[in-house]
Protein backbone atom coordinates (compact mmCIF):
# COMPACT_ATOMS: atom_id res chain seq x y z
CA UNK A 1 -121.13 121.53 69.81
CA UNK A 2 -122.96 123.70 72.20
CA UNK A 3 -122.62 127.13 73.84
CA UNK A 4 -123.11 129.48 70.91
CA UNK A 5 -125.79 131.72 69.49
CA UNK A 6 -126.60 133.57 66.41
CA UNK A 7 -125.91 137.42 66.20
CA UNK A 8 -128.23 139.20 63.66
CA UNK A 9 -126.03 142.48 64.08
CA UNK A 10 -123.16 140.53 62.26
CA UNK A 11 -124.76 139.61 58.92
CA UNK A 12 -124.20 140.28 55.13
CA UNK A 13 -125.50 143.68 54.07
CA UNK A 14 -127.07 142.42 50.88
CA UNK A 15 -127.07 144.00 47.42
CA UNK A 16 -125.08 147.05 47.05
CA UNK A 17 -127.11 150.23 46.89
CA UNK A 18 -126.80 153.04 44.38
CA UNK A 19 -124.28 155.61 45.65
CA UNK A 20 -120.71 156.57 45.79
CA UNK A 21 -117.90 154.15 47.11
CA UNK A 22 -114.32 154.29 47.85
CA UNK A 23 -112.87 150.97 46.48
CA UNK A 24 -109.72 149.33 45.61
CA UNK A 25 -109.09 147.77 42.20
CA UNK A 26 -108.20 144.13 43.04
CA UNK A 27 -107.16 143.38 39.41
CA UNK A 28 -108.22 143.55 35.86
CA UNK A 29 -108.24 140.42 33.71
CA UNK A 30 -109.27 139.49 30.20
CA UNK A 31 -112.12 137.18 29.66
CA UNK A 32 -114.77 135.97 27.18
CA UNK A 33 -118.45 135.52 27.40
CA UNK A 34 -119.95 132.21 26.48
CA UNK A 35 -121.02 133.60 23.27
CA UNK A 36 -117.34 134.67 22.43
CA UNK A 37 -117.26 138.39 23.36
CA UNK A 38 -114.07 139.57 24.81
CA UNK A 39 -113.81 141.84 27.53
CA UNK A 40 -111.69 143.22 30.44
CA UNK A 41 -113.08 142.46 33.76
CA UNK A 42 -112.41 145.10 36.53
CA UNK A 43 -112.91 143.61 39.79
CA UNK A 44 -113.03 145.99 42.89
CA UNK A 45 -113.56 145.76 46.59
CA UNK A 46 -115.29 148.38 48.69
CA UNK A 47 -112.72 149.59 51.25
CA UNK A 48 -112.98 148.53 54.79
CA UNK A 49 -110.76 151.33 56.24
CA UNK A 50 -113.55 153.95 55.76
CA UNK A 51 -116.89 154.36 57.22
CA UNK A 52 -119.13 153.34 54.33
CA UNK A 53 -121.73 150.52 53.73
CA UNK A 54 -120.94 147.34 51.98
CA UNK A 55 -117.29 146.95 53.21
CA UNK A 56 -115.47 144.20 51.54
CA UNK A 57 -118.22 143.58 48.89
CA UNK A 58 -117.19 143.30 45.40
CA UNK A 59 -117.90 145.34 42.39
CA UNK A 60 -117.32 144.28 38.79
CA UNK A 61 -117.11 146.29 35.57
CA UNK A 62 -116.64 144.86 32.09
CA UNK A 63 -114.94 146.73 29.39
CA UNK A 64 -115.78 145.06 26.00
CA UNK A 65 -113.81 144.91 22.81
CA UNK A 66 -115.50 146.63 19.83
CA UNK A 67 -117.13 144.14 17.56
CA UNK A 68 -116.15 145.98 14.34
CA UNK A 69 -112.29 146.15 15.37
CA UNK A 70 -111.74 143.56 17.90
CA UNK A 71 -109.93 146.31 20.01
CA UNK A 72 -110.75 147.97 23.22
CA UNK A 73 -111.81 151.61 23.24
CA UNK A 74 -108.99 153.18 25.15
CA UNK A 75 -111.35 155.70 26.56
CA UNK A 76 -112.38 153.62 29.43
CA UNK A 77 -108.77 152.72 30.33
CA UNK A 78 -107.68 156.44 30.18
CA UNK A 79 -110.70 157.21 32.38
CA UNK A 80 -109.99 154.55 34.95
CA UNK A 81 -106.21 155.30 34.75
CA UNK A 82 -106.70 159.07 35.28
CA UNK A 83 -108.98 158.25 38.52
CA UNK A 84 -106.44 155.74 39.70
CA UNK A 85 -103.58 158.18 39.35
CA UNK A 86 -101.53 156.21 36.83
CA UNK A 87 -98.87 158.07 35.12
CA UNK A 88 -99.94 160.05 32.00
CA UNK A 89 -98.03 159.20 29.01
CA UNK A 90 -96.28 155.98 30.42
CA UNK A 91 -95.38 153.43 27.77
CA UNK A 92 -96.23 149.81 28.38
CA UNK A 93 -94.54 146.95 26.76
CA UNK A 94 -97.84 144.80 26.79
CA UNK A 95 -101.54 145.23 27.53
CA UNK A 96 -101.01 142.77 30.58
CA UNK A 97 -98.44 145.35 31.94
CA UNK A 98 -101.02 148.12 31.71
CA UNK A 99 -103.64 145.88 33.39
CA UNK A 100 -101.17 145.05 36.25
CA UNK A 101 -100.49 148.84 36.76
CA UNK A 102 -104.21 149.11 38.00
CA UNK A 103 -103.68 146.41 40.71
CA UNK A 104 -104.25 147.99 44.18
CA UNK A 105 -104.99 151.40 43.19
CA UNK A 106 -107.88 153.35 45.21
CA UNK A 107 -110.66 155.04 43.14
CA UNK A 108 -113.97 156.37 43.99
CA UNK A 109 -116.92 155.22 41.91
CA UNK A 110 -120.52 156.00 41.36
CA UNK A 111 -122.74 152.83 41.00
CA UNK A 112 -126.33 152.43 40.13
CA UNK A 113 -128.40 149.31 39.84
CA UNK A 114 -130.16 149.26 36.44
CA UNK A 115 -132.36 146.87 34.47
CA UNK A 116 -131.30 145.89 30.92
CA UNK A 117 -132.76 143.90 28.15
CA UNK A 118 -130.77 141.54 25.85
CA UNK A 119 -132.01 138.90 23.48
CA UNK A 120 -135.41 139.00 25.18
CA UNK A 121 -134.08 138.46 28.63
CA UNK A 122 -134.17 141.16 31.40
CA UNK A 123 -131.07 141.55 33.69
CA UNK A 124 -130.46 143.51 36.92
CA UNK A 125 -126.91 144.93 37.02
CA UNK A 126 -124.88 147.10 39.14
CA UNK A 127 -123.12 149.60 36.78
CA UNK A 128 -120.35 151.93 37.44
CA UNK A 129 -121.50 155.28 36.01
CA UNK A 130 -118.51 157.49 37.18
CA UNK A 131 -114.85 157.16 38.05
CA UNK A 132 -113.11 159.80 40.26
CA UNK A 133 -109.80 159.94 42.20
CA UNK A 134 -110.15 158.86 45.77
CA UNK A 135 -110.80 161.26 48.44
CA UNK A 136 -108.60 159.02 50.74
CA UNK A 137 -105.30 158.17 48.95
CA UNK A 138 -103.81 156.46 52.15
CA UNK A 139 -105.18 152.93 51.88
CA UNK A 140 -105.27 150.96 55.11
CA UNK A 141 -107.80 148.30 53.68
CA UNK A 142 -107.43 144.94 55.27
CA UNK A 143 -107.39 142.21 52.74
CA UNK A 144 -109.09 138.93 53.67
CA UNK A 145 -106.53 136.12 52.79
CA UNK A 146 -107.81 133.92 50.08
CA UNK A 147 -107.24 130.19 49.67
CA UNK A 148 -104.69 130.83 46.94
CA UNK A 149 -102.58 133.13 49.28
CA UNK A 150 -103.01 130.60 52.08
CA UNK A 151 -101.78 127.79 49.83
CA UNK A 152 -98.89 129.91 48.54
CA UNK A 153 -97.76 131.04 51.92
CA UNK A 154 -98.00 127.44 53.41
CA UNK A 155 -96.59 125.54 50.43
CA UNK A 156 -93.81 124.07 52.40
CA UNK A 157 -95.86 122.50 54.90
CA UNK A 158 -99.50 122.20 53.38
CA UNK A 159 -100.97 123.12 56.48
CA UNK A 160 -103.92 125.71 55.88
CA UNK A 161 -104.25 128.80 58.15
CA UNK A 162 -107.84 129.16 59.71
CA UNK A 163 -108.77 132.41 61.17
CA UNK A 164 -111.61 133.29 63.29
CA UNK A 165 -113.07 135.07 60.25
CA UNK A 166 -113.18 131.75 58.34
CA UNK A 167 -115.44 130.03 60.88
CA UNK A 168 -119.09 130.20 60.60
CA UNK A 169 -119.63 130.75 64.37
């Protein structure tokens, strides 16, 4: 292969800096740490339809169950739900149904890089400090197609779809 060059204006932007970002909630799933602590994992993507740094990068926020009760503090879900524009007072038939209602909702988050210590180890974390309604409710974010989506859309012929974005050059 010949005839190609590197473009250093087209690189990853690195770690997400402290600041306010317009994001879309990808999904919220339940998970467990290796030590057994249960949590809801909120995955967000920084919107690419707005002029802001770190477009398409991911932000995660964990909401842990209380050790004493084994239940979530609904204050966090209420806060995120209000910012996401969910319907106040809506009755959900299951926790999974509530989590699904967050999918695809735009919100504005304030994030800060912080150092924490746990069991004698020091960690650098990007933490969501504030949730607000989006300033731009008309979402035009362009999602990159994941391998799962490719496989589902091509399940009949098992031929993967490869775009220019998938190529390293």
